Amino acid sequence: MPKTTFEQSMKKLEQIVQELESGDLPLEDAMKKFEEGIKLSSLCSEKLDETEKKITLLIEGQKGSVLEKPFDSDS
């Protein structure tokens, strides 16, 4: 699958969901779309995980220094 942005992947995934929900696809085509959707879902999940790991909170220290603290998604 060619490199796509998160937004492109989500848009394609939404399109696939609509096609599958319409019920108009032959079974073989529906299975292909389902497989593509699973791959896109996994790709989007990976991209979100990578992005979450890159997020840092910059906290100003007591003496004006800047400290980096890993993003805590539970906060």
PDB file of N, CA and C in Angstrom:
ATOM      1  N   MET A   1       0.853  -1.177   0.000  1.00  0.00           N
ATOM      2  CA  MET A   1       0.000   0.000   0.000  1.00  0.00           C
ATOM      3  C   MET A   1       0.899   1.241   0.000  1.00  0.00           C
ATOM      4  N   PRO A   2       0.690   2.173  -0.937  1.00  0.00           N
ATOM      5  CA  PRO A   2       1.536   3.363  -1.001  1.00  0.00           C
ATOM      6  C   PRO A   2       1.384   4.218   0.249  1.00  0.00           C
ATOM      7  N   LYS A   3       2.441   4.996   0.542  1.00  0.00           N
ATOM      8  CA  LYS A   3       2.392   5.857   1.726  1.00  0.00           C
ATOM      9  C   LYS A   3       1.305   6.903   1.562  1.00  0.00           C
ATOM     10  N   THR A   4       0.446   6.977   2.545  1.00  0.00           N
ATOM     11  CA  THR A   4      -0.614   7.973   2.550  1.00  0.00           C
ATOM     12  C   THR A   4      -0.622   8.656   3.900  1.00  0.00           C
ATOM     13  N   THR A   5      -1.255   9.802   3.935  1.00  0.00           N
ATOM     14  CA  THR A   5      -1.374  10.508   5.205  1.00  0.00           C
ATOM     15  C   THR A   5      -2.461   9.850   6.041  1.00  0.00           C
ATOM     16  N   PHE A   6      -2.478  10.185   7.306  1.00  0.00           N
ATOM     17  CA  PHE A   6      -3.514   9.684   8.201  1.00  0.00           C
ATOM     18  C   PHE A   6      -4.889  10.087   7.678  1.00  0.00           C
ATOM     19  N   GLU A   7      -5.002  11.334   7.261  1.00  0.00           N
ATOM     20  CA  GLU A   7      -6.288  11.843   6.786  1.00  0.00           C
ATOM     21  C   GLU A   7      -6.756  11.106   5.535  1.00  0.00           C
ATOM     22  N   GLN A   8      -5.829  10.836   4.601  1.00  0.00           N
ATOM     23  CA  GLN A   8      -6.182  10.090   3.391  1.00  0.00           C
ATOM     24  C   GLN A   8      -6.646   8.681   3.745  1.00  0.00           C
ATOM     25  N   SER A   9      -5.941   8.059   4.674  1.00  0.00           N
ATOM     26  CA  SER A   9      -6.301   6.702   5.096  1.00  0.00           C
ATOM     27  C   SER A   9      -7.673   6.675   5.743  1.00  0.00           C
ATOM     28  N   MET A  10      -7.962   7.658   6.597  1.00  0.00           N
ATOM     29  CA  MET A  10      -9.267   7.717   7.259  1.00  0.00           C
ATOM     30  C   MET A  10     -10.386   7.949   6.249  1.00  0.00           C
ATOM     31  N   LYS A  11     -10.135   8.818   5.283  1.00  0.00           N
ATOM     32  CA  LYS A  11     -11.151   9.098   4.268  1.00  0.00           C
ATOM     33  C   LYS A  11     -11.458   7.831   3.466  1.00  0.00           C
ATOM     34  N   LYS A  12     -10.413   7.104   3.079  1.00  0.00           N
ATOM     35  CA  LYS A  12     -10.602   5.864   2.329  1.00  0.00           C
ATOM     36  C   LYS A  12     -11.328   4.833   3.182  1.00  0.00           C
ATOM     37  N   LEU A  13     -10.982   4.757   4.451  1.00  0.00           N
ATOM     38  CA  LEU A  13     -11.638   3.815   5.364  1.00  0.00           C
ATOM     39  C   LEU A  13     -13.127   4.143   5.498  1.00  0.00           C
ATOM     40  N   GLU A  14     -13.456   5.416   5.615  1.00  0.00           N
ATOM     41  CA  GLU A  14     -14.860   5.822   5.693  1.00  0.00           C
ATOM     42  C   GLU A  14     -15.615   5.452   4.417  1.00  0.00           C
ATOM     43  N   GLN A  15     -14.953   5.618   3.276  1.00  0.00           N
ATOM     44  CA  GLN A  15     -15.566   5.262   1.995  1.00  0.00           C
ATOM     45  C   GLN A  15     -15.838   3.752   1.940  1.00  0.00           C
ATOM     46  N   ILE A  16     -14.883   2.965   2.393  1.00  0.00           N
ATOM     47  CA  ILE A  16     -15.046   1.511   2.399  1.00  0.00           C
ATOM     48  C   ILE A  16     -16.211   1.108   3.302  1.00  0.00           C
ATOM     49  N   VAL A  17     -16.296   1.720   4.464  1.00  0.00           N
ATOM     50  CA  VAL A  17     -17.394   1.415   5.397  1.00  0.00           C
ATOM     51  C   VAL A  17     -18.740   1.703   4.733  1.00  0.00           C
ATOM     52  N   GLN A  18     -18.844   2.840   4.065  1.00  0.00           N
ATOM     53  CA  GLN A  18     -20.096   3.183   3.382  1.00  0.00           C
ATOM     54  C   GLN A  18     -20.439   2.159   2.307  1.00  0.00           C
ATOM     55  N   GLU A  19     -19.421   1.734   1.538  1.00  0.00           N
ATOM     56  CA  GLU A  19     -19.658   0.746   0.484  1.00  0.00           C
ATOM     57  C   GLU A  19     -20.127  -0.580   1.077  1.00  0.00           C
ATOM     58  N   LEU A  20     -19.487  -0.989   2.172  1.00  0.00           N
ATOM     59  CA  LEU A  20     -19.876  -2.253   2.795  1.00  0.00           C
ATOM     60  C   LEU A  20     -21.270  -2.161   3.409  1.00  0.00           C
ATOM     61  N   GLU A  21     -21.580  -1.038   4.010  1.00  0.00           N
ATOM     62  CA  GLU A  21     -22.889  -0.866   4.640  1.00  0.00           C
ATOM     63  C   GLU A  21     -24.027  -0.791   3.624  1.00  0.00           C
ATOM     64  N   SER A  22     -23.700  -0.408   2.392  1.00  0.00           N
ATOM     65  CA  SER A  22     -24.742  -0.298   1.366  1.00  0.00           C
ATOM     66  C   SER A  22     -25.310  -1.673   1.007  1.00  0.00           C
ATOM     67  N   GLY A  23     -24.487  -2.713   1.162  1.00  0.00           N
ATOM     68  CA  GLY A  23     -24.950  -4.062   0.856  1.00  0.00           C
ATOM     69  C   GLY A  23     -25.039  -4.356  -0.628  1.00  0.00           C
ATOM     70  N   ASP A  24     -24.530  -3.458  -1.475  1.00  0.00           N
ATOM     71  CA  ASP A  24     -24.638  -3.625  -2.924  1.00  0.00           C
ATOM     72  C   ASP A  24     -23.461  -4.368  -3.553  1.00  0.00           C
ATOM     73  N   LEU A  25     -22.427  -4.641  -2.787  1.00  0.00           N
ATOM     74  CA  LEU A  25     -21.234  -5.287  -3.335  1.00  0.00           C
ATOM     75  C   LEU A  25     -21.398  -6.800  -3.396  1.00  0.00           C
ATOM     76  N   PRO A  26     -20.904  -7.412  -4.474  1.00  0.00           N
ATOM     77  CA  PRO A  26     -20.853  -8.878  -4.496  1.00  0.00           C
ATOM     78  C   PRO A  26     -19.940  -9.363  -3.365  1.00  0.00           C
ATOM     79  N   LEU A  27     -20.139 -10.577  -2.918  1.00  0.00           N
ATOM     80  CA  LEU A  27     -19.412 -11.108  -1.767  1.00  0.00           C
ATOM     81  C   LEU A  27     -17.899 -11.001  -1.935  1.00  0.00           C
ATOM     82  N   GLU A  28     -17.375 -11.371  -3.090  1.00  0.00           N
ATOM     83  CA  GLU A  28     -15.926 -11.337  -3.306  1.00  0.00           C
ATOM     84  C   GLU A  28     -15.382  -9.905  -3.203  1.00  0.00           C
ATOM     85  N   ASP A  29     -16.109  -8.963  -3.790  1.00  0.00           N
ATOM     86  CA  ASP A  29     -15.691  -7.559  -3.707  1.00  0.00           C
ATOM     87  C   ASP A  29     -15.781  -7.051  -2.271  1.00  0.00           C
ATOM     88  N   ALA A  30     -16.825  -7.464  -1.561  1.00  0.00           N
ATOM     89  CA  ALA A  30     -16.995  -7.057  -0.167  1.00  0.00           C
ATOM     90  C   ALA A  30     -15.834  -7.576   0.682  1.00  0.00           C
ATOM     91  N   MET A  31     -15.400  -8.807   0.420  1.00  0.00           N
ATOM     92  CA  MET A  31     -14.266  -9.362   1.179  1.00  0.00           C
ATOM     93  C   MET A  31     -12.983  -8.584   0.903  1.00  0.00           C
ATOM     94  N   LYS A  32     -12.767  -8.207  -0.346  1.00  0.00           N
ATOM     95  CA  LYS A  32     -11.575  -7.413  -0.691  1.00  0.00           C
ATOM     96  C   LYS A  32     -11.612  -6.061   0.018  1.00  0.00           C
ATOM     97  N   LYS A  33     -12.781  -5.436   0.010  1.00  0.00           N
ATOM     98  CA  LYS A  33     -12.927  -4.134   0.681  1.00  0.00           C
ATOM     99  C   LYS A  33     -12.727  -4.288   2.190  1.00  0.00           C
ATOM    100  N   PHE A  34     -13.255  -5.376   2.749  1.00  0.00           N
ATOM    101  CA  PHE A  34     -13.103  -5.630   4.179  1.00  0.00           C
ATOM    102  C   PHE A  34     -11.624  -5.771   4.542  1.00  0.00           C
ATOM    103  N   GLU A  35     -10.884  -6.557   3.747  1.00  0.00           N
ATOM    104  CA  GLU A  35      -9.447  -6.737   3.991  1.00  0.00           C
ATOM    105  C   GLU A  35      -8.707  -5.411   3.889  1.00  0.00           C
ATOM    106  N   GLU A  36      -9.042  -4.615   2.877  1.00  0.00           N
ATOM    107  CA  GLU A  36      -8.408  -3.305   2.725  1.00  0.00           C
ATOM    108  C   GLU A  36      -8.724  -2.419   3.922  1.00  0.00           C
ATOM    109  N   GLY A  37      -9.969  -2.482   4.392  1.00  0.00           N
ATOM    110  CA  GLY A  37     -10.371  -1.694   5.552  1.00  0.00           C
ATOM    111  C   GLY A  37      -9.612  -2.081   6.809  1.00  0.00           C
ATOM    112  N   ILE A  38      -9.401  -3.385   6.992  1.00  0.00           N
ATOM    113  CA  ILE A  38      -8.643  -3.852   8.159  1.00  0.00           C
ATOM    114  C   ILE A  38      -7.212  -3.317   8.107  1.00  0.00           C
ATOM    115  N   LYS A  39      -6.598  -3.360   6.925  1.00  0.00           N
ATOM    116  CA  LYS A  39      -5.230  -2.854   6.767  1.00  0.00           C
ATOM    117  C   LYS A  39      -5.175  -1.353   7.050  1.00  0.00           C
ATOM    118  N   LEU A  40      -6.155  -0.617   6.522  1.00  0.00           N
ATOM    119  CA  LEU A  40      -6.192   0.833   6.754  1.00  0.00           C
ATOM    120  C   LEU A  40      -6.408   1.151   8.229  1.00  0.00           C
ATOM    121  N   SER A  41      -7.274   0.395   8.874  1.00  0.00           N
ATOM    122  CA  SER A  41      -7.537   0.599  10.303  1.00  0.00           C
ATOM    123  C   SER A  41      -6.266   0.389  11.117  1.00  0.00           C
ATOM    124  N   SER A  42      -5.540  -0.651  10.776  1.00  0.00           N
ATOM    125  CA  SER A  42      -4.278  -0.942  11.466  1.00  0.00           C
ATOM    126  C   SER A  42      -3.262   0.169  11.214  1.00  0.00           C
ATOM    127  N   LEU A  43      -3.184   0.628   9.974  1.00  0.00           N
ATOM    128  CA  LEU A  43      -2.261   1.707   9.624  1.00  0.00           C
ATOM    129  C   LEU A  43      -2.583   2.977  10.398  1.00  0.00           C
ATOM    130  N   CYS A  44      -3.869   3.322  10.458  1.00  0.00           N
ATOM    131  CA  CYS A  44      -4.288   4.526  11.193  1.00  0.00           C
ATOM    132  C   CYS A  44      -3.957   4.395  12.682  1.00  0.00           C
ATOM    133  N   SER A  45      -4.186   3.224  13.230  1.00  0.00           N
ATOM    134  CA  SER A  45      -3.889   2.987  14.641  1.00  0.00           C
ATOM    135  C   SER A  45      -2.391   3.144  14.913  1.00  0.00           C
ATOM    136  N   GLU A  46      -1.573   2.604  14.016  1.00  0.00           N
ATOM    137  CA  GLU A  46      -0.117   2.735  14.164  1.00  0.00           C
ATOM    138  C   GLU A  46       0.308   4.199  14.101  1.00  0.00           C
ATOM    139  N   LYS A  47      -0.272   4.942  13.147  1.00  0.00           N
ATOM    140  CA  LYS A  47       0.080   6.356  13.016  1.00  0.00           C
ATOM    141  C   LYS A  47      -0.316   7.140  14.262  1.00  0.00           C
ATOM    142  N   LEU A  48      -1.470   6.821  14.839  1.00  0.00           N
ATOM    143  CA  LEU A  48      -1.890   7.495  16.075  1.00  0.00           C
ATOM    144  C   LEU A  48      -0.949   7.157  17.226  1.00  0.00           C
ATOM    145  N   ASP A  49      -0.550   5.885  17.325  1.00  0.00           N
ATOM    146  CA  ASP A  49       0.380   5.483  18.380  1.00  0.00           C
ATOM    147  C   ASP A  49       1.715   6.198  18.242  1.00  0.00           C
ATOM    148  N   GLU A  50       2.230   6.284  17.003  1.00  0.00           N
ATOM    149  CA  GLU A  50       3.498   6.973  16.761  1.00  0.00           C
ATOM    150  C   GLU A  50       3.398   8.445  17.146  1.00  0.00           C
ATOM    151  N   THR A  51       2.301   9.059  16.779  1.00  0.00           N
ATOM    152  CA  THR A  51       2.110  10.478  17.079  1.00  0.00           C
ATOM    153  C   THR A  51       2.023  10.710  18.577  1.00  0.00           C
ATOM    154  N   GLU A  52       1.303   9.843  19.274  1.00  0.00           N
ATOM    155  CA  GLU A  52       1.167   9.976  20.720  1.00  0.00           C
ATOM    156  C   GLU A  52       2.530   9.890  21.402  1.00  0.00           C
ATOM    157  N   LYS A  53       3.394   9.007  20.895  1.00  0.00           N
ATOM    158  CA  LYS A  53       4.723   8.849  21.485  1.00  0.00           C
ATOM    159  C   LYS A  53       5.586  10.086  21.262  1.00  0.00           C
ATOM    160  N   LYS A  54       5.328  10.838  20.186  1.00  0.00           N
ATOM    161  CA  LYS A  54       6.130  12.012  19.869  1.00  0.00           C
ATOM    162  C   LYS A  54       5.711  13.252  20.658  1.00  0.00           C
ATOM    163  N   ILE A  55       4.509  13.215  21.186  1.00  0.00           N
ATOM    164  CA  ILE A  55       4.004  14.392  21.909  1.00  0.00           C
ATOM    165  C   ILE A  55       4.750  14.557  23.230  1.00  0.00           C
ATOM    166  N   THR A  56       5.230  15.711  23.457  1.00  0.00           N
ATOM    167  CA  THR A  56       5.866  15.996  24.754  1.00  0.00           C
ATOM    168  C   THR A  56       5.255  17.264  25.344  1.00  0.00           C
ATOM    169  N   LEU A  57       5.259  17.277  26.621  1.00  0.00           N
ATOM    170  CA  LEU A  57       4.797  18.476  27.318  1.00  0.00           C
ATOM    171  C   LEU A  57       6.024  19.270  27.754  1.00  0.00           C
ATOM    172  N   LEU A  58       6.031  20.518  27.392  1.00  0.00           N
ATOM    173  CA  LEU A  58       7.140  21.373  27.804  1.00  0.00           C
ATOM    174  C   LEU A  58       6.726  22.099  29.082  1.00  0.00           C
ATOM    175  N   ILE A  59       7.523  21.886  30.072  1.00  0.00           N
ATOM    176  CA  ILE A  59       7.214  22.469  31.376  1.00  0.00           C
ATOM    177  C   ILE A  59       8.343  23.424  31.762  1.00  0.00           C
ATOM    178  N   GLU A  60       7.947  24.598  32.099  1.00  0.00           N
ATOM    179  CA  GLU A  60       8.961  25.560  32.510  1.00  0.00           C
ATOM    180  C   GLU A  60       9.416  25.250  33.926  1.00  0.00           C
ATOM    181  N   GLY A  61      10.717  25.062  34.061  1.00  0.00           N
ATOM    182  CA  GLY A  61      11.290  24.761  35.368  1.00  0.00           C
ATOM    183  C   GLY A  61      11.301  25.986  36.270  1.00  0.00           C
ATOM    184  N   GLN A  62      11.673  25.776  37.516  1.00  0.00           N
ATOM    185  CA  GLN A  62      11.671  26.857  38.497  1.00  0.00           C
ATOM    186  C   GLN A  62      12.642  27.976  38.133  1.00  0.00           C
ATOM    187  N   LYS A  63      13.756  27.642  37.504  1.00  0.00           N
ATOM    188  CA  LYS A  63      14.754  28.661  37.171  1.00  0.00           C
ATOM    189  C   LYS A  63      14.637  29.100  35.715  1.00  0.00           C
ATOM    190  N   GLY A  64      13.480  28.883  35.109  1.00  0.00           N
ATOM    191  CA  GLY A  64      13.285  29.327  33.741  1.00  0.00           C
ATOM    192  C   GLY A  64      13.748  28.336  32.699  1.00  0.00           C
ATOM    193  N   SER A  65      14.303  27.219  33.146  1.00  0.00           N
ATOM    194  CA  SER A  65      14.737  26.218  32.171  1.00  0.00           C
ATOM    195  C   SER A  65      13.517  25.462  31.654  1.00  0.00           C
ATOM    196  N   VAL A  66      13.667  24.865  30.511  1.00  0.00           N
ATOM    197  CA  VAL A  66      12.572  24.111  29.918  1.00  0.00           C
ATOM    198  C   VAL A  66      12.890  22.628  30.027  1.00  0.00           C
ATOM    199  N   LEU A  67      11.967  21.891  30.588  1.00  0.00           N
ATOM    200  CA  LEU A  67      12.135  20.448  30.736  1.00  0.00           C
ATOM    201  C   LEU A  67      11.141  19.743  29.829  1.00  0.00           C
ATOM    202  N   GLU A  68      11.561  18.620  29.263  1.00  0.00           N
ATOM    203  CA  GLU A  68      10.640  17.828  28.462  1.00  0.00           C
ATOM    204  C   GLU A  68      10.126  16.681  29.301  1.00  0.00           C
ATOM    205  N   LYS A  69       8.841  16.485  29.246  1.00  0.00           N
ATOM    206  CA  LYS A  69       8.226  15.397  29.982  1.00  0.00           C
ATOM    207  C   LYS A  69       7.381  14.600  28.997  1.00  0.00           C
ATOM    208  N   PRO A  70       7.495  13.280  28.984  1.00  0.00           N
ATOM    209  CA  PRO A  70       6.691  12.492  28.044  1.00  0.00           C
ATOM    210  C   PRO A  70       5.213  12.722  28.258  1.00  0.00           C
ATOM    211  N   PHE A  71       4.475  12.682  27.151  1.00  0.00           N
ATOM    212  CA  PHE A  71       3.030  12.859  27.209  1.00  0.00           C
ATOM    213  C   PHE A  71       2.407  11.696  27.949  1.00  0.00           C
ATOM    214  N   ASP A  72       1.539  11.997  28.898  1.00  0.00           N
ATOM    215  CA  ASP A  72       0.827  10.967  29.646  1.00  0.00           C
ATOM    216  C   ASP A  72      -0.630  11.031  29.239  1.00  0.00           C
ATOM    217  N   SER A  73      -1.076  10.064  28.446  1.00  0.00           N
ATOM    218  CA  SER A  73      -2.440  10.094  27.913  1.00  0.00           C
ATOM    219  C   SER A  73      -3.487   9.849  28.984  1.00  0.00           C
ATOM    220  N   ASP A  74      -3.082   9.404  30.179  1.00  0.00           N
ATOM    221  CA  ASP A  74      -4.030   9.139  31.257  1.00  0.00           C
ATOM    222  C   ASP A  74      -4.391  10.396  32.032  1.00  0.00           C
ATOM    223  N   SER A  75      -3.692  11.498  31.776  1.00  0.00           N
ATOM    224  CA  SER A  75      -3.935  12.753  32.508  1.00  0.00           C
ATOM    225  C   SER A  75      -5.218  13.389  32.065  1.00  0.00           C
TER     226      SER A  75
END
